[in-house]
Amino acid sequence: MGDKTSATAYVSSALAMWLGAVDWNTVCMIGGLVIGICTFAVNWYYKRENSRIYRESVKTGVQADAPKE
């Protein structure tokens, strides 16, 4: 039992030390950048799929709405 409690104490103190040294402004800036890139990628993918479906519908003669920009 002593080994588990010692390990837990060491891990929690290391975590607290690491969290104290983190610059949260940088973390938030990088997080916002990652979210922005992910948003761009998702929008690009779905616009590409929408355009592909529209092109296929035009080729087959099916009436479809044009993709919105």
C-alpha atoms as a PDB file:
ATOM      1  CA  MET A   1       0.000   0.000   0.000  1.00  0.00           C
ATOM      2  CA  GLY A   2       2.891   2.354   0.722  1.00  0.00           C
ATOM      3  CA  ASP A   3       4.227   2.118  -2.831  1.00  0.00           C
ATOM      4  CA  LYS A   4       0.929   3.221  -4.368  1.00  0.00           C
ATOM      5  CA  THR A   5       0.530   6.195  -2.059  1.00  0.00           C
ATOM      6  CA  SER A   6       4.138   7.270  -2.606  1.00  0.00           C
ATOM      7  CA  ALA A   7       3.740   7.019  -6.374  1.00  0.00           C
ATOM      8  CA  THR A   8       0.489   8.980  -6.203  1.00  0.00           C
ATOM      9  CA  ALA A   9       2.146  11.683  -4.113  1.00  0.00           C
ATOM     10  CA  TYR A  10       5.104  11.961  -6.503  1.00  0.00           C
ATOM     11  CA  VAL A  11       2.892  12.072  -9.585  1.00  0.00           C
ATOM     12  CA  SER A  12       0.534  14.657  -8.115  1.00  0.00           C
ATOM     13  CA  SER A  13       3.409  16.877  -6.987  1.00  0.00           C
ATOM     14  CA  ALA A  14       5.071  16.628 -10.409  1.00  0.00           C
ATOM     15  CA  LEU A  15       1.752  17.503 -12.047  1.00  0.00           C
ATOM     16  CA  ALA A  16       1.281  20.493  -9.743  1.00  0.00           C
ATOM     17  CA  MET A  17       4.824  21.665 -10.483  1.00  0.00           C
ATOM     18  CA  TRP A  18       4.251  21.316 -14.243  1.00  0.00           C
ATOM     19  CA  LEU A  19       0.910  23.165 -14.104  1.00  0.00           C
ATOM     20  CA  GLY A  20       2.558  25.981 -12.194  1.00  0.00           C
ATOM     21  CA  ALA A  21       5.207  26.402 -14.892  1.00  0.00           C
ATOM     22  CA  VAL A  22       2.798  26.402 -17.837  1.00  0.00           C
ATOM     23  CA  ASP A  23       2.189  29.725 -19.566  1.00  0.00           C
ATOM     24  CA  TRP A  24      -1.577  29.552 -20.074  1.00  0.00           C
ATOM     25  CA  ASN A  25      -1.609  32.404 -22.601  1.00  0.00           C
ATOM     26  CA  THR A  26       0.566  30.311 -24.902  1.00  0.00           C
ATOM     27  CA  VAL A  27      -1.572  27.223 -24.333  1.00  0.00           C
ATOM     28  CA  CYS A  28      -4.727  29.167 -25.241  1.00  0.00           C
ATOM     29  CA  MET A  29      -3.057  30.726 -28.281  1.00  0.00           C
ATOM     30  CA  ILE A  30      -1.942  27.336 -29.604  1.00  0.00           C
ATOM     31  CA  GLY A  31      -5.354  25.850 -28.814  1.00  0.00           C
ATOM     32  CA  GLY A  32      -7.090  28.632 -30.762  1.00  0.00           C
ATOM     33  CA  LEU A  33      -4.734  28.095 -33.687  1.00  0.00           C
ATOM     34  CA  VAL A  34      -5.455  24.351 -33.710  1.00  0.00           C
ATOM     35  CA  ILE A  35      -9.216  24.963 -33.536  1.00  0.00           C
ATOM     36  CA  GLY A  36      -8.965  27.465 -36.418  1.00  0.00           C
ATOM     37  CA  ILE A  37      -7.034  25.003 -38.591  1.00  0.00           C
ATOM     38  CA  CYS A  38      -9.511  22.217 -37.801  1.00  0.00           C
ATOM     39  CA  THR A  39     -12.432  24.508 -38.673  1.00  0.00           C
ATOM     40  CA  PHE A  40     -10.797  25.390 -41.997  1.00  0.00           C
ATOM     41  CA  ALA A  41     -10.231  21.692 -42.789  1.00  0.00           C
ATOM     42  CA  VAL A  42     -13.805  20.666 -41.981  1.00  0.00           C
ATOM     43  CA  ASN A  43     -15.285  23.533 -44.028  1.00  0.00           C
ATOM     44  CA  TRP A  44     -12.991  22.742 -46.967  1.00  0.00           C
ATOM     45  CA  TYR A  45     -13.955  19.053 -46.879  1.00  0.00           C
ATOM     46  CA  TYR A  46     -17.712  19.642 -46.813  1.00  0.00           C
ATOM     47  CA  LYS A  47     -17.602  22.355 -49.483  1.00  0.00           C
ATOM     48  CA  ARG A  48     -15.586  19.977 -51.695  1.00  0.00           C
ATOM     49  CA  GLU A  49     -18.101  17.170 -51.125  1.00  0.00           C
ATOM     50  CA  ASN A  50     -21.025  19.505 -51.821  1.00  0.00           C
ATOM     51  CA  SER A  51     -19.417  20.625 -55.083  1.00  0.00           C
ATOM     52  CA  ARG A  52     -18.692  17.006 -56.056  1.00  0.00           C
ATOM     53  CA  ILE A  53     -22.298  15.986 -55.457  1.00  0.00           C
ATOM     54  CA  TYR A  54     -23.522  18.962 -57.485  1.00  0.00           C
ATOM     55  CA  ARG A  55     -21.229  18.090 -60.413  1.00  0.00           C
ATOM     56  CA  GLU A  56     -22.458  14.493 -60.370  1.00  0.00           C
ATOM     57  CA  SER A  57     -26.089  15.625 -60.302  1.00  0.00           C
ATOM     58  CA  VAL A  58     -25.499  17.913 -63.297  1.00  0.00           C
ATOM     59  CA  LYS A  59     -23.873  15.046 -65.225  1.00  0.00           C
ATOM     60  CA  THR A  60     -26.795  12.710 -64.519  1.00  0.00           C
ATOM     61  CA  GLY A  61     -29.440  15.384 -65.190  1.00  0.00           C
ATOM     62  CA  VAL A  62     -30.853  15.402 -61.676  1.00  0.00           C
ATOM     63  CA  GLN A  63     -32.156  18.774 -60.494  1.00  0.00           C
ATOM     64  CA  ALA A  64     -30.056  20.064 -57.597  1.00  0.00           C
ATOM     65  CA  ASP A  65     -29.331  23.393 -55.966  1.00  0.00           C
ATOM     66  CA  ALA A  66     -26.007  24.993 -56.792  1.00  0.00           C
ATOM     67  CA  PRO A  67     -23.455  24.963 -53.980  1.00  0.00           C
ATOM     68  CA  LYS A  68     -23.502  28.114 -51.902  1.00  0.00           C
ATOM     69  CA  GLU A  69     -20.297  30.058 -51.457  1.00  0.00           C
END
